[in-house]
């Protein structure tokens, strides 16, 4: 036959051997094509494939950012609360007179102090004895001055007590130096910011409000007791003593004091 001799002793026929070889080669080629190229190795085109990166579980960033913002806001609120609510250090007492958070009404009356230098009345600063200023006071000394009542000393104490002109000057001095201002002394040669020059003299007058008008006071002005509607005048002059101007308790701003 055209296929060549056939052996019957169990040995393979040459044609059959060629068929088996062709089938084996096709199977190997098919197996080779089915394998995908590995990362990091060269592909058929000769280019190296990028290595496969292993990634872990995805982090949910939105909740993390929200949590950070909330914590920062909470901490900021705590700091703001602490800064704005911490107690203000109390001002030191002056001449035994404390600086209290509120004004008192148990004892409440008014006296006037006029400082006259060479004929000119120098007004008392508004807010004397009011720590922190009149617009945002932190405490009030029992002796203090409101801008609305020019030269009027407000005596507001939780108890019936006698106060002197010396104590007012000590309160004035404490209040002034607390805010970096000058000292405010009262002596035979100094009255507030005025120091007696050669040839000047200090004259003291007290109008007790009894209808007699201003009367000369020859003692130590520091010892003058503050009384209701009393007008104290400290006059520094190089000329002769002259009666001080009166004080109108009925003028606008003073009515009702």
Protein backbone atom coordinates (compact mmCIF):
# COMPACT_ATOMS: atom_id res chain seq x y z
CA UNK A 1 0.00 0.00 0.00
CA UNK A 2 1.08 3.68 -0.36
CA UNK A 3 1.58 4.01 3.37
CA UNK A 4 4.52 1.66 3.54
CA UNK A 5 5.00 -1.69 5.16
CA UNK A 6 3.08 -2.60 8.30
CA UNK A 7 4.66 -4.61 11.06
CA UNK A 8 2.65 -6.97 13.14
CA UNK A 9 5.17 -7.52 15.94
CA UNK A 10 3.78 -4.56 18.09
CA UNK A 11 6.34 -1.96 16.93
CA UNK A 12 5.05 1.46 15.82
CA UNK A 13 4.64 2.15 12.15
CA UNK A 14 6.77 5.03 10.88
CA UNK A 15 3.63 6.95 9.66
CA UNK A 16 1.96 6.57 13.02
CA UNK A 17 5.07 7.84 14.76
CA UNK A 18 4.97 10.99 12.64
CA UNK A 19 1.29 11.57 13.57
CA UNK A 20 2.04 11.29 17.29
CA UNK A 21 4.93 13.74 16.99
CA UNK A 22 2.76 16.30 15.16
CA UNK A 23 0.02 16.09 17.84
CA UNK A 24 2.56 16.51 20.65
CA UNK A 25 4.09 19.64 19.06
CA UNK A 26 0.64 21.25 18.62
CA UNK A 27 -0.29 20.56 22.24
CA UNK A 28 2.93 22.14 23.55
CA UNK A 29 2.41 25.23 21.40
CA UNK A 30 -1.18 25.55 22.62
CA UNK A 31 -0.01 25.24 26.25
CA UNK A 32 2.63 27.90 25.72
CA UNK A 33 0.11 30.36 24.19
CA UNK A 34 -2.36 29.91 27.06
CA UNK A 35 0.09 31.14 29.69
CA UNK A 36 -0.23 34.93 30.29
CA UNK A 37 3.03 36.87 30.52
CA UNK A 38 4.03 37.56 34.11
CA UNK A 39 4.50 41.08 35.45
CA UNK A 40 8.10 42.18 35.38
CA UNK A 41 8.91 39.92 32.43
CA UNK A 42 9.19 40.74 28.77
CA UNK A 43 6.16 40.44 26.56
CA UNK A 44 6.20 39.02 23.04
CA UNK A 45 6.98 42.52 21.75
CA UNK A 46 10.12 42.60 23.92
CA UNK A 47 8.89 45.39 26.29
CA UNK A 48 9.07 44.78 30.04
CA UNK A 49 5.69 44.87 31.72
CA UNK A 50 5.35 47.02 34.89
CA UNK A 51 5.38 45.06 38.13
CA UNK A 52 2.01 44.48 39.74
CA UNK A 53 1.55 46.68 42.83
CA UNK A 54 -0.20 45.14 45.78
CA UNK A 55 -2.69 47.50 47.40
CA UNK A 56 -4.30 47.22 50.81
CA UNK A 57 -7.85 48.14 51.72
CA UNK A 58 -8.95 51.68 50.67
CA UNK A 59 -8.97 54.28 53.55
CA UNK A 60 -12.26 56.29 53.83
CA UNK A 61 -10.69 59.80 53.86
CA UNK A 62 -13.89 61.85 54.13
CA UNK A 63 -14.81 60.64 57.65
CA UNK A 64 -11.19 61.19 58.75
CA UNK A 65 -11.16 64.79 57.49
CA UNK A 66 -14.53 65.52 59.12
CA UNK A 67 -13.30 64.09 62.44
CA UNK A 68 -10.15 66.24 62.34
CA UNK A 69 -12.19 69.38 61.65
CA UNK A 70 -14.59 68.61 64.50
CA UNK A 71 -11.75 68.02 66.97
CA UNK A 72 -10.00 71.25 65.92
CA UNK A 73 -13.26 73.19 66.32
CA UNK A 74 -13.87 71.69 69.75
CA UNK A 75 -10.36 72.58 70.94
CA UNK A 76 -10.78 76.12 69.57
CA UNK A 77 -14.04 76.57 71.48
CA UNK A 78 -12.41 75.42 74.71
CA UNK A 79 -9.55 77.91 74.26
CA UNK A 80 -11.98 80.72 73.42
CA UNK A 81 -14.11 79.97 76.47
CA UNK A 82 -11.08 79.92 78.77
CA UNK A 83 -9.67 83.20 77.45
CA UNK A 84 -12.98 85.03 77.67
CA UNK A 85 -14.27 83.70 80.98
CA UNK A 86 -11.18 83.47 83.15
CA UNK A 87 -11.49 85.83 86.12
CA UNK A 88 -9.73 89.17 85.88
CA UNK A 89 -7.13 89.60 88.63
CA UNK A 90 -8.62 91.83 91.33
CA UNK A 91 -7.11 95.29 91.68
CA UNK A 92 -5.24 95.91 94.92
CA UNK A 93 -7.05 97.72 97.69
CA UNK A 94 -6.16 101.37 98.26
CA UNK A 95 -6.19 102.91 101.72
CA UNK A 96 -8.25 99.96 102.94
CA UNK A 97 -10.81 100.43 100.15
CA UNK A 98 -11.30 97.36 97.95
CA UNK A 99 -12.27 97.29 94.30
CA UNK A 100 -15.54 95.34 94.09
CA UNK A 101 -17.17 93.85 91.03
CA UNK A 102 -20.35 95.91 91.44
CA UNK A 103 -21.25 99.32 92.77
CA UNK A 104 -22.85 99.45 96.20
CA UNK A 105 -25.99 101.27 97.26
CA UNK A 106 -26.13 100.65 101.01
CA UNK A 107 -24.21 103.90 101.57
CA UNK A 108 -24.39 106.28 98.62
CA UNK A 109 -23.73 110.02 98.61
CA UNK A 110 -21.65 112.59 96.74
CA UNK A 111 -19.01 115.23 97.40
CA UNK A 112 -17.11 117.57 95.07
CA UNK A 113 -13.38 118.20 94.65
CA UNK A 114 -12.17 121.26 92.74
CA UNK A 115 -8.44 121.63 91.96
CA UNK A 116 -7.68 125.21 90.97
CA UNK A 117 -4.27 126.18 89.59
CA UNK A 118 -3.64 129.88 89.01
CA UNK A 119 -7.34 130.56 88.59
CA UNK A 120 -8.10 127.58 86.30
CA UNK A 121 -10.22 124.66 87.51
CA UNK A 122 -8.68 121.35 86.48
CA UNK A 123 -11.35 118.68 86.10
CA UNK A 124 -10.94 115.29 87.69
CA UNK A 125 -10.41 112.55 85.11
CA UNK A 126 -13.57 110.63 84.33
CA UNK A 127 -13.41 107.03 85.51
CA UNK A 128 -11.14 107.56 88.51
CA UNK A 129 -11.54 104.50 90.73
CA UNK A 130 -13.22 102.44 87.99
CA UNK A 131 -10.83 99.66 87.00
CA UNK A 132 -10.97 98.69 83.33
CA UNK A 133 -12.61 101.96 82.28
CA UNK A 134 -16.19 103.17 82.33
CA UNK A 135 -17.18 101.35 79.12
CA UNK A 136 -16.02 97.92 80.33
CA UNK A 137 -15.45 98.11 84.09
CA UNK A 138 -13.98 95.15 85.93
CA UNK A 139 -14.38 96.58 89.42
CA UNK A 140 -15.30 99.75 91.31
CA UNK A 141 -13.51 101.30 94.26
CA UNK A 142 -15.91 102.61 96.86
CA UNK A 143 -14.71 106.11 95.96
CA UNK A 144 -14.88 106.82 92.24
CA UNK A 145 -15.74 109.40 89.57
CA UNK A 146 -18.15 109.17 86.62
CA UNK A 147 -17.53 111.31 83.54
CA UNK A 148 -21.19 112.33 83.51
CA UNK A 149 -20.75 114.15 86.84
CA UNK A 150 -17.81 116.52 86.54
CA UNK A 151 -15.61 116.72 89.68
CA UNK A 152 -18.13 114.69 91.70
CA UNK A 153 -16.79 111.94 93.98
CA UNK A 154 -19.24 109.06 94.30
CA UNK A 155 -19.07 107.48 97.75
CA UNK A 156 -20.66 104.03 97.39
CA UNK A 157 -19.93 101.63 100.21
CA UNK A 158 -21.52 98.40 101.49
CA UNK A 159 -21.39 99.80 105.01
CA UNK A 160 -21.63 103.10 106.86
CA UNK A 161 -18.04 104.29 107.03
CA UNK A 162 -16.15 107.58 107.19
CA UNK A 163 -13.89 108.42 104.26
CA UNK A 164 -11.31 111.17 103.94
CA UNK A 165 -9.83 113.21 101.09
CA UNK A 166 -6.54 111.35 101.62
CA UNK A 167 -8.26 108.03 100.87
CA UNK A 168 -9.68 109.41 97.64
CA UNK A 169 -6.22 110.50 96.50
CA UNK A 170 -4.85 107.05 97.31
CA UNK A 171 -7.60 105.45 95.23
CA UNK A 172 -6.85 107.92 92.44
CA UNK A 173 -3.14 107.10 92.65
CA UNK A 174 -3.78 103.33 92.60
CA UNK A 175 -6.16 103.61 89.65
CA UNK A 176 -3.74 105.82 87.69
CA UNK A 177 -0.60 103.74 88.26
CA UNK A 178 -2.50 100.51 87.52
CA UNK A 179 -2.96 101.70 83.94
CA UNK A 180 0.52 103.13 83.61
CA UNK A 181 -0.41 106.71 84.49
CA UNK A 182 1.36 109.17 86.80
CA UNK A 183 1.21 109.22 90.57
CA UNK A 184 -1.45 111.39 92.17
CA UNK A 185 -0.10 112.70 95.51
CA UNK A 186 -1.62 115.06 98.05
CA UNK A 187 0.73 116.95 100.33
CA UNK A 188 1.65 120.47 101.37
CA UNK A 189 3.70 120.89 98.19
CA UNK A 190 1.91 118.62 95.70
CA UNK A 191 -1.65 118.28 94.52
CA UNK A 192 -2.12 115.64 91.83
CA UNK A 193 0.17 116.61 88.92
CA UNK A 194 0.86 120.08 90.34
CA UNK A 195 3.98 120.82 92.37
CA UNK A 196 4.03 124.18 94.08
CA UNK A 197 6.57 126.49 92.46
CA UNK A 198 8.50 129.13 94.43
CA UNK A 199 6.07 131.86 95.37
CA UNK A 200 2.98 129.66 95.10
CA UNK A 201 0.78 128.73 98.04
CA UNK A 202 -1.92 126.16 98.65
CA UNK A 203 -5.24 127.41 99.97
CA UNK A 204 -7.97 125.02 101.07
CA UNK A 205 -11.69 125.77 101.23
CA UNK A 206 -14.63 123.66 102.37
CA UNK A 207 -18.25 124.43 101.55
CA UNK A 208 -20.33 122.21 103.84
CA UNK A 209 -23.53 122.98 101.96
CA UNK A 210 -25.01 124.73 104.96
CA UNK A 211 -25.51 128.04 103.20
CA UNK A 212 -22.34 129.68 104.53
CA UNK A 213 -20.40 129.17 101.34
CA UNK A 214 -16.75 128.17 101.03
CA UNK A 215 -14.83 128.54 104.28
CA UNK A 216 -11.01 128.49 104.64
CA UNK A 217 -9.61 125.25 106.06
CA UNK A 218 -6.30 125.65 107.86
CA UNK A 219 -5.61 122.03 108.79
CA UNK A 220 -4.12 119.18 106.77
CA UNK A 221 -6.36 118.77 103.71
CA UNK A 222 -5.72 115.01 103.76
CA UNK A 223 -7.83 114.78 106.93
CA UNK A 224 -10.96 116.38 105.48
CA UNK A 225 -13.90 113.99 105.87
CA UNK A 226 -16.03 113.50 102.76
CA UNK A 227 -19.64 114.46 103.45
CA UNK A 228 -22.84 114.69 101.43
CA UNK A 229 -22.89 117.70 99.07
CA UNK A 230 -19.64 119.01 100.46
CA UNK A 231 -17.45 121.03 98.07
CA UNK A 232 -13.70 120.90 98.70
CA UNK A 233 -11.49 123.34 96.80
CA UNK A 234 -7.70 123.10 96.63
CA UNK A 235 -6.34 126.33 95.19
CA UNK A 236 -2.70 126.80 94.14
CA UNK A 237 -1.84 130.41 93.37
CA UNK A 238 1.03 132.85 93.43
CA UNK A 239 -1.39 135.73 94.08
CA UNK A 240 -3.72 136.49 96.94
CA UNK A 241 -6.29 133.92 98.08
CA UNK A 242 -9.61 134.26 96.31
CA UNK A 243 -12.86 132.46 97.09
CA UNK A 244 -13.32 129.45 94.79
CA UNK A 245 -16.24 129.12 92.38
CA UNK A 246 -19.38 127.53 93.72
CA UNK A 247 -20.85 124.22 92.53
CA UNK A 248 -24.36 123.95 91.12
CA UNK A 249 -26.00 120.77 92.32
CA UNK A 250 -29.07 121.52 90.21
CA UNK A 251 -27.23 121.78 86.90
CA UNK A 252 -27.99 119.19 84.19
CA UNK A 253 -26.06 116.03 84.99
CA UNK A 254 -25.97 116.82 88.71
CA UNK A 255 -29.68 116.87 89.44
CA UNK A 256 -30.65 113.97 91.63
CA UNK A 257 -27.20 113.50 93.14
